[in-house]
């Protein structure tokens, strides 16, 4: 089921704008402000900021796994994967790279990847 969820999330990310619907970070910014109010040093603060949402997500997935033969788990996993896949337009970057390669401009293709020639 997890592999199927990953495939669905990647297909949805590539061919739809559903990823933009779930990628809202206001809740995370509020959580970061609450963690900052605790006055912890940077390392424990970063650990708390990342670990607590991950534990909550894992607990939610564990609870949903038994419902309706894992269908709710799969939907929640797809939504979480769409959120986690990032905000950049990888499809656009890939198309730009392929376009440079088709034209034979390999130096521009390398620069599009962020690599330096030589």
PDB file of N, CA and C in Angstrom:
ATOM      1  N   UNK A   1       0.817  -1.206   0.000  1.00  0.00           N
ATOM      2  CA  UNK A   1       0.000   0.000   0.000  1.00  0.00           C
ATOM      3  C   UNK A   1       0.857   1.264   0.000  1.00  0.00           C
ATOM      4  N   UNK A   2       1.994   1.228   0.690  1.00  0.00           N
ATOM      5  CA  UNK A   2       2.815   2.432   0.747  1.00  0.00           C
ATOM      6  C   UNK A   2       3.421   2.737  -0.629  1.00  0.00           C
ATOM      7  N   UNK A   3       3.820   1.705  -1.364  1.00  0.00           N
ATOM      8  CA  UNK A   3       4.355   1.933  -2.713  1.00  0.00           C
ATOM      9  C   UNK A   3       3.267   2.490  -3.627  1.00  0.00           C
ATOM     10  N   UNK A   4       2.070   1.960  -3.506  1.00  0.00           N
ATOM     11  CA  UNK A   4       0.949   2.453  -4.309  1.00  0.00           C
ATOM     12  C   UNK A   4       0.626   3.904  -3.965  1.00  0.00           C
ATOM     13  N   UNK A   5       0.696   4.233  -2.687  1.00  0.00           N
ATOM     14  CA  UNK A   5       0.477   5.619  -2.273  1.00  0.00           C
ATOM     15  C   UNK A   5       1.532   6.533  -2.854  1.00  0.00           C
ATOM     16  N   UNK A   6       2.779   6.079  -2.838  1.00  0.00           N
ATOM     17  CA  UNK A   6       3.854   6.876  -3.408  1.00  0.00           C
ATOM     18  C   UNK A   6       3.642   7.089  -4.902  1.00  0.00           C
ATOM     19  N   UNK A   7       3.249   6.043  -5.611  1.00  0.00           N
ATOM     20  CA  UNK A   7       2.993   6.188  -7.051  1.00  0.00           C
ATOM     21  C   UNK A   7       1.860   7.163  -7.323  1.00  0.00           C
ATOM     22  N   UNK A   8       0.752   7.022  -6.589  1.00  0.00           N
ATOM     23  CA  UNK A   8      -0.373   7.944  -6.762  1.00  0.00           C
ATOM     24  C   UNK A   8       0.051   9.377  -6.468  1.00  0.00           C
ATOM     25  N   UNK A   9       0.819   9.584  -5.402  1.00  0.00           N
ATOM     26  CA  UNK A   9       1.247  10.938  -5.042  1.00  0.00           C
ATOM     27  C   UNK A   9       2.134  11.535  -6.128  1.00  0.00           C
ATOM     28  N   UNK A  10       3.047  10.734  -6.669  1.00  0.00           N
ATOM     29  CA  UNK A  10       3.923  11.244  -7.729  1.00  0.00           C
ATOM     30  C   UNK A  10       3.153  11.564  -9.004  1.00  0.00           C
ATOM     31  N   UNK A  11       2.178  10.729  -9.343  1.00  0.00           N
ATOM     32  CA  UNK A  11       1.361  10.987 -10.528  1.00  0.00           C
ATOM     33  C   UNK A  11       0.514  12.236 -10.321  1.00  0.00           C
ATOM     34  N   UNK A  12      -0.091  12.362  -9.140  1.00  0.00           N
ATOM     35  CA  UNK A  12      -0.892  13.552  -8.861  1.00  0.00           C
ATOM     36  C   UNK A  12      -0.030  14.807  -8.859  1.00  0.00           C
ATOM     37  N   UNK A  13       1.166  14.704  -8.335  1.00  0.00           N
ATOM     38  CA  UNK A  13       2.069  15.855  -8.305  1.00  0.00           C
ATOM     39  C   UNK A  13       2.455  16.272  -9.712  1.00  0.00           C
ATOM     40  N   UNK A  14       2.658  15.290 -10.573  1.00  0.00           N
ATOM     41  CA  UNK A  14       3.120  15.578 -11.937  1.00  0.00           C
ATOM     42  C   UNK A  14       2.000  16.121 -12.820  1.00  0.00           C
ATOM     43  N   UNK A  15       0.807  15.548 -12.707  1.00  0.00           N
ATOM     44  CA  UNK A  15      -0.248  15.855 -13.677  1.00  0.00           C
ATOM     45  C   UNK A  15      -1.412  16.672 -13.124  1.00  0.00           C
ATOM     46  N   UNK A  16      -1.342  17.114 -11.878  1.00  0.00           N
ATOM     47  CA  UNK A  16      -2.430  17.938 -11.356  1.00  0.00           C
ATOM     48  C   UNK A  16      -1.858  19.014 -10.451  1.00  0.00           C
ATOM     49  N   UNK A  17      -2.699  19.933 -10.073  1.00  0.00           N
ATOM     50  CA  UNK A  17      -2.277  20.996  -9.160  1.00  0.00           C
ATOM     51  C   UNK A  17      -2.756  20.710  -7.739  1.00  0.00           C
ATOM     52  N   UNK A  18      -3.043  19.457  -7.451  1.00  0.00           N
ATOM     53  CA  UNK A  18      -3.533  19.080  -6.129  1.00  0.00           C
ATOM     54  C   UNK A  18      -2.504  19.349  -5.044  1.00  0.00           C
ATOM     55  N   UNK A  19      -1.227  19.268  -5.398  1.00  0.00           N
ATOM     56  CA  UNK A  19      -0.172  19.526  -4.420  1.00  0.00           C
ATOM     57  C   UNK A  19      -0.259  20.923  -3.840  1.00  0.00           C
ATOM     58  N   UNK A  20      -0.629  21.888  -4.665  1.00  0.00           N
ATOM     59  CA  UNK A  20      -0.741  23.268  -4.183  1.00  0.00           C
ATOM     60  C   UNK A  20      -1.902  23.442  -3.219  1.00  0.00           C
ATOM     61  N   UNK A  21      -2.892  22.564  -3.305  1.00  0.00           N
ATOM     62  CA  UNK A  21      -4.026  22.664  -2.390  1.00  0.00           C
ATOM     63  C   UNK A  21      -3.665  22.245  -0.968  1.00  0.00           C
ATOM     64  N   UNK A  22      -2.738  21.333  -0.822  1.00  0.00           N
ATOM     65  CA  UNK A  22      -2.393  20.842   0.510  1.00  0.00           C
ATOM     66  C   UNK A  22      -1.137  21.483   1.072  1.00  0.00           C
ATOM     67  N   UNK A  23      -0.426  22.257   0.300  1.00  0.00           N
ATOM     68  CA  UNK A  23       0.833  22.818   0.759  1.00  0.00           C
ATOM     69  C   UNK A  23       0.652  24.208   1.352  1.00  0.00           C
ATOM     70  N   UNK A  24       0.056  24.245   2.508  1.00  0.00           N
ATOM     71  CA  UNK A  24      -0.112  25.488   3.262  1.00  0.00           C
ATOM     72  C   UNK A  24       0.664  25.359   4.561  1.00  0.00           C
ATOM     73  N   UNK A  25       1.512  26.308   4.846  1.00  0.00           N
ATOM     74  CA  UNK A  25       2.417  26.205   5.981  1.00  0.00           C
ATOM     75  C   UNK A  25       2.027  27.073   7.165  1.00  0.00           C
ATOM     76  N   UNK A  26       0.841  27.633   7.172  1.00  0.00           N
ATOM     77  CA  UNK A  26       0.450  28.507   8.284  1.00  0.00           C
ATOM     78  C   UNK A  26       0.470  27.738   9.607  1.00  0.00           C
ATOM     79  N   UNK A  27       0.021  26.494   9.603  1.00  0.00           N
ATOM     80  CA  UNK A  27       0.025  25.712  10.837  1.00  0.00           C
ATOM     81  C   UNK A  27       1.451  25.490  11.339  1.00  0.00           C
ATOM     82  N   UNK A  28       2.395  25.307  10.419  1.00  0.00           N
ATOM     83  CA  UNK A  28       3.778  25.072  10.825  1.00  0.00           C
ATOM     84  C   UNK A  28       4.410  26.350  11.369  1.00  0.00           C
ATOM     85  N   UNK A  29       4.079  27.489  10.796  1.00  0.00           N
ATOM     86  CA  UNK A  29       4.606  28.753  11.308  1.00  0.00           C
ATOM     87  C   UNK A  29       4.067  29.037  12.710  1.00  0.00           C
ATOM     88  N   UNK A  30       2.781  28.731  12.933  1.00  0.00           N
ATOM     89  CA  UNK A  30       2.226  28.875  14.289  1.00  0.00           C
ATOM     90  C   UNK A  30       2.940  27.942  15.255  1.00  0.00           C
ATOM     91  N   UNK A  31       3.174  26.704  14.838  1.00  0.00           N
ATOM     92  CA  UNK A  31       3.871  25.742  15.684  1.00  0.00           C
ATOM     93  C   UNK A  31       5.300  26.215  15.985  1.00  0.00           C
ATOM     94  N   UNK A  32       5.980  26.770  14.997  1.00  0.00           N
ATOM     95  CA  UNK A  32       7.329  27.280  15.219  1.00  0.00           C
ATOM     96  C   UNK A  32       7.341  28.431  16.223  1.00  0.00           C
ATOM     97  N   UNK A  33       6.334  29.300  16.163  1.00  0.00           N
ATOM     98  CA  UNK A  33       6.253  30.386  17.149  1.00  0.00           C
ATOM     99  C   UNK A  33       6.032  29.833  18.547  1.00  0.00           C
ATOM    100  N   UNK A  34       5.204  28.797  18.680  1.00  0.00           N
ATOM    101  CA  UNK A  34       4.971  28.188  19.996  1.00  0.00           C
ATOM    102  C   UNK A  34       6.242  27.541  20.527  1.00  0.00           C
ATOM    103  N   UNK A  35       6.974  26.881  19.663  1.00  0.00           N
ATOM    104  CA  UNK A  35       8.235  26.259  20.091  1.00  0.00           C
ATOM    105  C   UNK A  35       9.244  27.331  20.472  1.00  0.00           C
ATOM    106  N   UNK A  36       9.282  28.425  19.731  1.00  0.00           N
ATOM    107  CA  UNK A  36      10.221  29.512  20.038  1.00  0.00           C
ATOM    108  C   UNK A  36       9.917  30.136  21.387  1.00  0.00           C
ATOM    109  N   UNK A  37       8.641  30.171  21.781  1.00  0.00           N
ATOM    110  CA  UNK A  37       8.274  30.727  23.086  1.00  0.00           C
ATOM    111  C   UNK A  37       8.804  29.899  24.250  1.00  0.00           C
ATOM    112  N   UNK A  38       9.144  28.636  23.997  1.00  0.00           N
ATOM    113  CA  UNK A  38       9.676  27.785  25.054  1.00  0.00           C
ATOM    114  C   UNK A  38      11.085  28.202  25.468  1.00  0.00           C
ATOM    115  N   UNK A  39      11.772  28.935  24.619  1.00  0.00           N
ATOM    116  CA  UNK A  39      13.100  29.440  24.945  1.00  0.00           C
ATOM    117  C   UNK A  39      14.180  28.381  24.923  1.00  0.00           C
ATOM    118  N   UNK A  40      14.017  27.357  24.124  1.00  0.00           N
ATOM    119  CA  UNK A  40      15.019  26.304  24.006  1.00  0.00           C
ATOM    120  C   UNK A  40      16.179  26.752  23.128  1.00  0.00           C
ATOM    121  N   UNK A  41      17.296  26.068  23.266  1.00  0.00           N
ATOM    122  CA  UNK A  41      18.420  26.362  22.373  1.00  0.00           C
ATOM    123  C   UNK A  41      18.062  25.872  20.965  1.00  0.00           C
ATOM    124  N   UNK A  42      18.823  26.235  19.939  1.00  0.00           N
ATOM    125  CA  UNK A  42      18.434  25.933  18.548  1.00  0.00           C
ATOM    126  C   UNK A  42      18.254  24.446  18.233  1.00  0.00           C
ATOM    127  N   UNK A  43      19.121  23.578  18.750  1.00  0.00           N
ATOM    128  CA  UNK A  43      19.014  22.158  18.392  1.00  0.00           C
ATOM    129  C   UNK A  43      17.754  21.520  18.987  1.00  0.00           C
ATOM    130  N   UNK A  44      17.494  21.647  20.296  1.00  0.00           N
ATOM    131  CA  UNK A  44      16.237  21.078  20.810  1.00  0.00           C
ATOM    132  C   UNK A  44      14.997  21.732  20.213  1.00  0.00           C
ATOM    133  N   UNK A  45      15.097  23.006  19.892  1.00  0.00           N
ATOM    134  CA  UNK A  45      13.976  23.702  19.274  1.00  0.00           C
ATOM    135  C   UNK A  45      13.676  23.119  17.891  1.00  0.00           C
ATOM    136  N   UNK A  46      14.718  22.886  17.101  1.00  0.00           N
ATOM    137  CA  UNK A  46      14.523  22.296  15.772  1.00  0.00           C
ATOM    138  C   UNK A  46      14.006  20.866  15.884  1.00  0.00           C
ATOM    139  N   UNK A  47      14.528  20.109  16.839  1.00  0.00           N
ATOM    140  CA  UNK A  47      14.043  18.741  17.045  1.00  0.00           C
ATOM    141  C   UNK A  47      12.568  18.723  17.423  1.00  0.00           C
ATOM    142  N   UNK A  48      12.162  19.622  18.302  1.00  0.00           N
ATOM    143  CA  UNK A  48      10.754  19.685  18.700  1.00  0.00           C
ATOM    144  C   UNK A  48       9.874  20.132  17.547  1.00  0.00           C
ATOM    145  N   UNK A  49      10.368  21.072  16.763  1.00  0.00           N
ATOM    146  CA  UNK A  49       9.582  21.592  15.647  1.00  0.00           C
ATOM    147  C   UNK A  49       9.326  20.529  14.590  1.00  0.00           C
ATOM    148  N   UNK A  50      10.265  19.611  14.407  1.00  0.00           N
ATOM    149  CA  UNK A  50      10.127  18.598  13.368  1.00  0.00           C
ATOM    150  C   UNK A  50       9.554  17.295  13.922  1.00  0.00           C
ATOM    151  N   UNK A  51       9.999  16.889  15.093  1.00  0.00           N
ATOM    152  CA  UNK A  51       9.629  15.589  15.638  1.00  0.00           C
ATOM    153  C   UNK A  51       8.161  15.501  16.015  1.00  0.00           C
ATOM    154  N   UNK A  52       7.633  16.519  16.660  1.00  0.00           N
ATOM    155  CA  UNK A  52       6.235  16.453  17.116  1.00  0.00           C
ATOM    156  C   UNK A  52       5.251  16.316  15.946  1.00  0.00           C
ATOM    157  N   UNK A  53       5.347  17.110  14.870  1.00  0.00           N
ATOM    158  CA  UNK A  53       4.441  16.871  13.743  1.00  0.00           C
ATOM    159  C   UNK A  53       4.614  15.492  13.108  1.00  0.00           C
ATOM    160  N   UNK A  54       5.848  14.987  13.080  1.00  0.00           N
ATOM    161  CA  UNK A  54       6.072  13.648  12.513  1.00  0.00           C
ATOM    162  C   UNK A  54       5.428  12.569  13.373  1.00  0.00           C
ATOM    163  N   UNK A  55       5.525  12.706  14.677  1.00  0.00           N
ATOM    164  CA  UNK A  55       4.910  11.726  15.579  1.00  0.00           C
ATOM    165  C   UNK A  55       3.386  11.776  15.454  1.00  0.00           C
ATOM    166  N   UNK A  56       2.833  12.964  15.354  1.00  0.00           N
ATOM    167  CA  UNK A  56       1.377  13.101  15.187  1.00  0.00           C
ATOM    168  C   UNK A  56       0.932  12.481  13.858  1.00  0.00           C
ATOM    169  N   UNK A  57       1.690  12.723  12.795  1.00  0.00           N
ATOM    170  CA  UNK A  57       1.354  12.136  11.489  1.00  0.00           C
ATOM    171  C   UNK A  57       1.423  10.613  11.545  1.00  0.00           C
ATOM    172  N   UNK A  58       2.440  10.073  12.204  1.00  0.00           N
ATOM    173  CA  UNK A  58       2.568   8.622  12.324  1.00  0.00           C
ATOM    174  C   UNK A  58       1.422   8.033  13.141  1.00  0.00           C
ATOM    175  N   UNK A  59       1.043   8.708  14.216  1.00  0.00           N
ATOM    176  CA  UNK A  59      -0.075   8.225  15.029  1.00  0.00           C
ATOM    177  C   UNK A  59      -1.376   8.244  14.224  1.00  0.00           C
ATOM    178  N   UNK A  60      -1.574   9.285  13.441  1.00  0.00           N
ATOM    179  CA  UNK A  60      -2.762   9.361  12.594  1.00  0.00           C
ATOM    180  C   UNK A  60      -2.770   8.227  11.574  1.00  0.00           C
ATOM    181  N   UNK A  61      -1.633   7.974  10.936  1.00  0.00           N
ATOM    182  CA  UNK A  61      -1.557   6.890   9.955  1.00  0.00           C
ATOM    183  C   UNK A  61      -1.795   5.526  10.602  1.00  0.00           C
ATOM    184  N   UNK A  62      -1.289   5.331  11.810  1.00  0.00           N
ATOM    185  CA  UNK A  62      -1.514   4.052  12.515  1.00  0.00           C
ATOM    186  C   UNK A  62      -2.989   3.851  12.822  1.00  0.00           C
ATOM    187  N   UNK A  63      -3.680   4.908  13.195  1.00  0.00           N
ATOM    188  CA  UNK A  63      -5.108   4.805  13.495  1.00  0.00           C
ATOM    189  C   UNK A  63      -5.940   4.565  12.238  1.00  0.00           C
ATOM    190  N   UNK A  64      -5.546   5.140  11.138  1.00  0.00           N
ATOM    191  CA  UNK A  64      -6.311   5.015   9.895  1.00  0.00           C
ATOM    192  C   UNK A  64      -6.060   3.708   9.160  1.00  0.00           C
ATOM    193  N   UNK A  65      -5.007   2.988   9.536  1.00  0.00           N
ATOM    194  CA  UNK A  65      -4.629   1.791   8.799  1.00  0.00           C
ATOM    195  C   UNK A  65      -5.697   0.701   8.857  1.00  0.00           C
ATOM    196  N   UNK A  66      -6.421   0.612   9.933  1.00  0.00           N
ATOM    197  CA  UNK A  66      -7.404  -0.463  10.093  1.00  0.00           C
ATOM    198  C   UNK A  66      -8.779  -0.112   9.512  1.00  0.00           C
ATOM    199  N   UNK A  67      -8.981   1.131   9.136  1.00  0.00           N
ATOM    200  CA  UNK A  67     -10.296   1.552   8.652  1.00  0.00           C
ATOM    201  C   UNK A  67     -10.448   1.281   7.165  1.00  0.00           C
ATOM    202  N   UNK A  68     -11.513   0.624   6.805  1.00  0.00           N
ATOM    203  CA  UNK A  68     -11.901   0.387   5.413  1.00  0.00           C
ATOM    204  C   UNK A  68     -10.754  -0.205   4.589  1.00  0.00           C
ATOM    205  N   UNK A  69     -10.132  -1.246   5.132  1.00  0.00           N
ATOM    206  CA  UNK A  69      -9.066  -1.997   4.460  1.00  0.00           C
ATOM    207  C   UNK A  69      -7.868  -1.120   4.086  1.00  0.00           C
ATOM    208  N   UNK A  70      -7.615  -0.076   4.850  1.00  0.00           N
ATOM    209  CA  UNK A  70      -6.466   0.780   4.608  1.00  0.00           C
ATOM    210  C   UNK A  70      -6.698   1.893   3.602  1.00  0.00           C
ATOM    211  N   UNK A  71      -7.940   2.050   3.147  1.00  0.00           N
ATOM    212  CA  UNK A  71      -8.219   3.085   2.153  1.00  0.00           C
ATOM    213  C   UNK A  71      -8.009   4.487   2.722  1.00  0.00           C
ATOM    214  N   UNK A  72      -8.476   4.708   3.949  1.00  0.00           N
ATOM    215  CA  UNK A  72      -8.279   6.018   4.578  1.00  0.00           C
ATOM    216  C   UNK A  72      -6.785   6.277   4.824  1.00  0.00           C
ATOM    217  N   UNK A  73      -6.042   5.205   5.169  1.00  0.00           N
ATOM    218  CA  UNK A  73      -4.603   5.336   5.351  1.00  0.00           C
ATOM    219  C   UNK A  73      -3.949   5.777   4.050  1.00  0.00           C
ATOM    220  N   UNK A  74      -4.383   5.179   2.963  1.00  0.00           N
ATOM    221  CA  UNK A  74      -3.791   5.487   1.669  1.00  0.00           C
ATOM    222  C   UNK A  74      -4.056   6.944   1.275  1.00  0.00           C
ATOM    223  N   UNK A  75      -5.263   7.404   1.497  1.00  0.00           N
ATOM    224  CA  UNK A  75      -5.596   8.799   1.177  1.00  0.00           C
ATOM    225  C   UNK A  75      -4.773   9.753   2.047  1.00  0.00           C
ATOM    226  N   UNK A  76      -4.675   9.459   3.343  1.00  0.00           N
ATOM    227  CA  UNK A  76      -3.888  10.311   4.236  1.00  0.00           C
ATOM    228  C   UNK A  76      -2.414  10.290   3.852  1.00  0.00           C
ATOM    229  N   UNK A  77      -1.901   9.122   3.471  1.00  0.00           N
ATOM    230  CA  UNK A  77      -0.501   9.027   3.060  1.00  0.00           C
ATOM    231  C   UNK A  77      -0.256   9.829   1.787  1.00  0.00           C
ATOM    232  N   UNK A  78      -1.183   9.793   0.851  1.00  0.00           N
ATOM    233  CA  UNK A  78      -1.037  10.563  -0.388  1.00  0.00           C
ATOM    234  C   UNK A  78      -1.023  12.059  -0.085  1.00  0.00           C
ATOM    235  N   UNK A  79      -1.921  12.501   0.781  1.00  0.00           N
ATOM    236  CA  UNK A  79      -1.970  13.921   1.142  1.00  0.00           C
ATOM    237  C   UNK A  79      -0.671  14.343   1.826  1.00  0.00           C
ATOM    238  N   UNK A  80      -0.178  13.497   2.744  1.00  0.00           N
ATOM    239  CA  UNK A  80       1.074  13.831   3.435  1.00  0.00           C
ATOM    240  C   UNK A  80       2.259  13.842   2.474  1.00  0.00           C
ATOM    241  N   UNK A  81       2.268  12.921   1.540  1.00  0.00           N
ATOM    242  CA  UNK A  81       3.351  12.908   0.546  1.00  0.00           C
ATOM    243  C   UNK A  81       3.288  14.130  -0.362  1.00  0.00           C
ATOM    244  N   UNK A  82       2.080  14.518  -0.763  1.00  0.00           N
ATOM    245  CA  UNK A  82       1.948  15.718  -1.597  1.00  0.00           C
ATOM    246  C   UNK A  82       2.435  16.954  -0.850  1.00  0.00           C
ATOM    247  N   UNK A  83       2.167  16.997   0.445  1.00  0.00           N
ATOM    248  CA  UNK A  83       2.645  18.117   1.249  1.00  0.00           C
ATOM    249  C   UNK A  83       4.170  18.105   1.333  1.00  0.00           C
ATOM    250  N   UNK A  84       4.741  16.925   1.480  1.00  0.00           N
ATOM    251  CA  UNK A  84       6.169  16.812   1.717  1.00  0.00           C
ATOM    252  C   UNK A  84       7.020  16.907   0.450  1.00  0.00           C
ATOM    253  N   UNK A  85       6.430  16.763  -0.709  1.00  0.00           N
ATOM    254  CA  UNK A  85       7.222  16.731  -1.939  1.00  0.00           C
ATOM    255  C   UNK A  85       7.797  18.079  -2.343  1.00  0.00           C
ATOM    256  N   UNK A  86       7.388  19.131  -1.713  1.00  0.00           N
ATOM    257  CA  UNK A  86       8.009  20.421  -1.978  1.00  0.00           C
ATOM    258  C   UNK A  86       7.186  21.315  -2.875  1.00  0.00           C
ATOM    259  N   UNK A  87       7.707  22.511  -3.075  1.00  0.00           N
ATOM    260  CA  UNK A  87       6.947  23.536  -3.786  1.00  0.00           C
ATOM    261  C   UNK A  87       7.515  23.894  -5.145  1.00  0.00           C
ATOM    262  N   UNK A  88       8.648  23.358  -5.521  1.00  0.00           N
ATOM    263  CA  UNK A  88       9.243  23.745  -6.795  1.00  0.00           C
ATOM    264  C   UNK A  88       8.584  22.998  -7.940  1.00  0.00           C
ATOM    265  N   UNK A  89       8.680  23.578  -9.106  1.00  0.00           N
ATOM    266  CA  UNK A  89       8.102  22.966 -10.294  1.00  0.00           C
ATOM    267  C   UNK A  89       9.094  22.034 -10.958  1.00  0.00           C
ATOM    268  N   UNK A  90       9.205  20.817 -10.448  1.00  0.00           N
ATOM    269  CA  UNK A  90      10.179  19.879 -11.000  1.00  0.00           C
ATOM    270  C   UNK A  90       9.870  19.533 -12.449  1.00  0.00           C
ATOM    271  N   UNK A  91       8.612  19.465 -12.809  1.00  0.00           N
ATOM    272  CA  UNK A  91       8.254  19.156 -14.190  1.00  0.00           C
ATOM    273  C   UNK A  91       8.767  20.202 -15.145  1.00  0.00           C
ATOM    274  N   UNK A  92       8.672  21.444 -14.749  1.00  0.00           N
ATOM    275  CA  UNK A  92       9.158  22.544 -15.580  1.00  0.00           C
ATOM    276  C   UNK A  92      10.684  22.482 -15.698  1.00  0.00           C
ATOM    277  N   UNK A  93      11.358  22.185 -14.580  1.00  0.00           N
ATOM    278  CA  UNK A  93      12.815  22.076 -14.608  1.00  0.00           C
ATOM    279  C   UNK A  93      13.260  20.894 -15.466  1.00  0.00           C
ATOM    280  N   UNK A  94      12.562  19.780 -15.375  1.00  0.00           N
ATOM    281  CA  UNK A  94      12.907  18.622 -16.187  1.00  0.00           C
ATOM    282  C   UNK A  94      12.703  18.913 -17.670  1.00  0.00           C
ATOM    283  N   UNK A  95      11.628  19.597 -17.988  1.00  0.00           N
ATOM    284  CA  UNK A  95      11.359  19.926 -19.396  1.00  0.00           C
ATOM    285  C   UNK A  95      12.414  20.882 -19.935  1.00  0.00           C
ATOM    286  N   UNK A  96      12.849  21.826 -19.119  1.00  0.00           N
ATOM    287  CA  UNK A  96      13.902  22.740 -19.548  1.00  0.00           C
ATOM    288  C   UNK A  96      15.201  21.973 -19.809  1.00  0.00           C
ATOM    289  N   UNK A  97      15.536  21.037 -18.922  1.00  0.00           N
ATOM    290  CA  UNK A  97      16.745  20.229 -19.103  1.00  0.00           C
ATOM    291  C   UNK A  97      16.654  19.397 -20.378  1.00  0.00           C
ATOM    292  N   UNK A  98      15.526  18.739 -20.605  1.00  0.00           N
ATOM    293  CA  UNK A  98      15.357  17.922 -21.811  1.00  0.00           C
ATOM    294  C   UNK A  98      15.416  18.780 -23.070  1.00  0.00           C
ATOM    295  N   UNK A  99      14.858  19.985 -22.999  1.00  0.00           N
ATOM    296  CA  UNK A  99      14.886  20.883 -24.148  1.00  0.00           C
ATOM    297  C   UNK A  99      16.321  21.259 -24.507  1.00  0.00           C
ATOM    298  N   UNK A 100      17.136  21.569 -23.504  1.00  0.00           N
ATOM    299  CA  UNK A 100      18.540  21.879 -23.773  1.00  0.00           C
ATOM    300  C   UNK A 100      19.265  20.674 -24.372  1.00  0.00           C
ATOM    301  N   UNK A 101      18.991  19.485 -23.848  1.00  0.00           N
ATOM    302  CA  UNK A 101      19.656  18.277 -24.367  1.00  0.00           C
ATOM    303  C   UNK A 101      19.239  17.986 -25.798  1.00  0.00           C
ATOM    304  N   UNK A 102      17.964  18.170 -26.132  1.00  0.00           N
ATOM    305  CA  UNK A 102      17.505  17.931 -27.502  1.00  0.00           C
ATOM    306  C   UNK A 102      18.181  18.871 -28.483  1.00  0.00           C
ATOM    307  N   UNK A 103      18.428  20.107 -28.050  1.00  0.00           N
ATOM    308  CA  UNK A 103      19.081  21.083 -28.926  1.00  0.00           C
ATOM    309  C   UNK A 103      20.583  20.899 -28.985  1.00  0.00           C
ATOM    310  N   UNK A 104      21.106  20.028 -28.130  1.00  0.00           N
ATOM    311  CA  UNK A 104      22.548  19.792 -28.122  1.00  0.00           C
ATOM    312  C   UNK A 104      23.324  20.803 -27.298  1.00  0.00           C
ATOM    313  N   UNK A 105      22.641  21.627 -26.535  1.00  0.00           N
ATOM    314  CA  UNK A 105      23.289  22.628 -25.694  1.00  0.00           C
ATOM    315  C   UNK A 105      23.533  22.020 -24.310  1.00  0.00           C
ATOM    316  N   UNK A 106      24.579  21.204 -24.202  1.00  0.00           N
ATOM    317  CA  UNK A 106      24.822  20.452 -22.974  1.00  0.00           C
ATOM    318  C   UNK A 106      25.359  21.325 -21.843  1.00  0.00           C
ATOM    319  N   UNK A 107      26.019  22.400 -22.195  1.00  0.00           N
ATOM    320  CA  UNK A 107      26.494  23.306 -21.152  1.00  0.00           C
ATOM    321  C   UNK A 107      25.306  23.977 -20.456  1.00  0.00           C
ATOM    322  N   UNK A 108      24.318  24.402 -21.231  1.00  0.00           N
ATOM    323  CA  UNK A 108      23.116  24.990 -20.638  1.00  0.00           C
ATOM    324  C   UNK A 108      22.345  23.946 -19.830  1.00  0.00           C
ATOM    325  N   UNK A 109      22.370  22.688 -20.290  1.00  0.00           N
ATOM    326  CA  UNK A 109      21.710  21.618 -19.539  1.00  0.00           C
ATOM    327  C   UNK A 109      22.379  21.419 -18.193  1.00  0.00           C
ATOM    328  N   UNK A 110      23.707  21.452 -18.176  1.00  0.00           N
ATOM    329  CA  UNK A 110      24.435  21.340 -16.918  1.00  0.00           C
ATOM    330  C   UNK A 110      24.131  22.521 -15.999  1.00  0.00           C
ATOM    331  N   UNK A 111      24.078  23.704 -16.574  1.00  0.00           N
ATOM    332  CA  UNK A 111      23.757  24.895 -15.765  1.00  0.00           C
ATOM    333  C   UNK A 111      22.320  24.812 -15.235  1.00  0.00           C
ATOM    334  N   UNK A 112      21.418  24.232 -16.010  1.00  0.00           N
ATOM    335  CA  UNK A 112      20.035  24.078 -15.541  1.00  0.00           C
ATOM    336  C   UNK A 112      19.967  23.125 -14.361  1.00  0.00           C
ATOM    337  N   UNK A 113      20.897  22.169 -14.308  1.00  0.00           N
ATOM    338  CA  UNK A 113      20.958  21.242 -13.179  1.00  0.00           C
ATOM    339  C   UNK A 113      21.613  21.874 -11.956  1.00  0.00           C
ATOM    340  N   UNK A 114      22.269  22.990 -12.163  1.00  0.00           N
ATOM    341  CA  UNK A 114      22.974  23.619 -11.054  1.00  0.00           C
ATOM    342  C   UNK A 114      24.425  23.185 -10.978  1.00  0.00           C
ATOM    343  N   UNK A 115      24.878  22.394 -11.962  1.00  0.00           N
ATOM    344  CA  UNK A 115      26.272  21.940 -11.995  1.00  0.00           C
ATOM    345  C   UNK A 115      27.104  22.930 -12.789  1.00  0.00           C
ATOM    346  N   UNK A 116      28.372  22.881 -12.531  1.00  0.00           N
ATOM    347  CA  UNK A 116      29.289  23.746 -13.286  1.00  0.00           C
ATOM    348  C   UNK A 116      30.084  22.886 -14.252  1.00  0.00           C
ATOM    349  N   UNK A 117      30.184  23.315 -15.485  1.00  0.00           N
ATOM    350  CA  UNK A 117      30.950  22.513 -16.443  1.00  0.00           C
ATOM    351  C   UNK A 117      32.434  22.511 -16.099  1.00  0.00           C
ATOM    352  N   UNK A 118      33.088  21.421 -16.473  1.00  0.00           N
ATOM    353  CA  UNK A 118      34.539  21.339 -16.287  1.00  0.00           C
ATOM    354  C   UNK A 118      34.841  20.696 -15.049  1.00  0.00           C
TER     355      UNK A 118
END
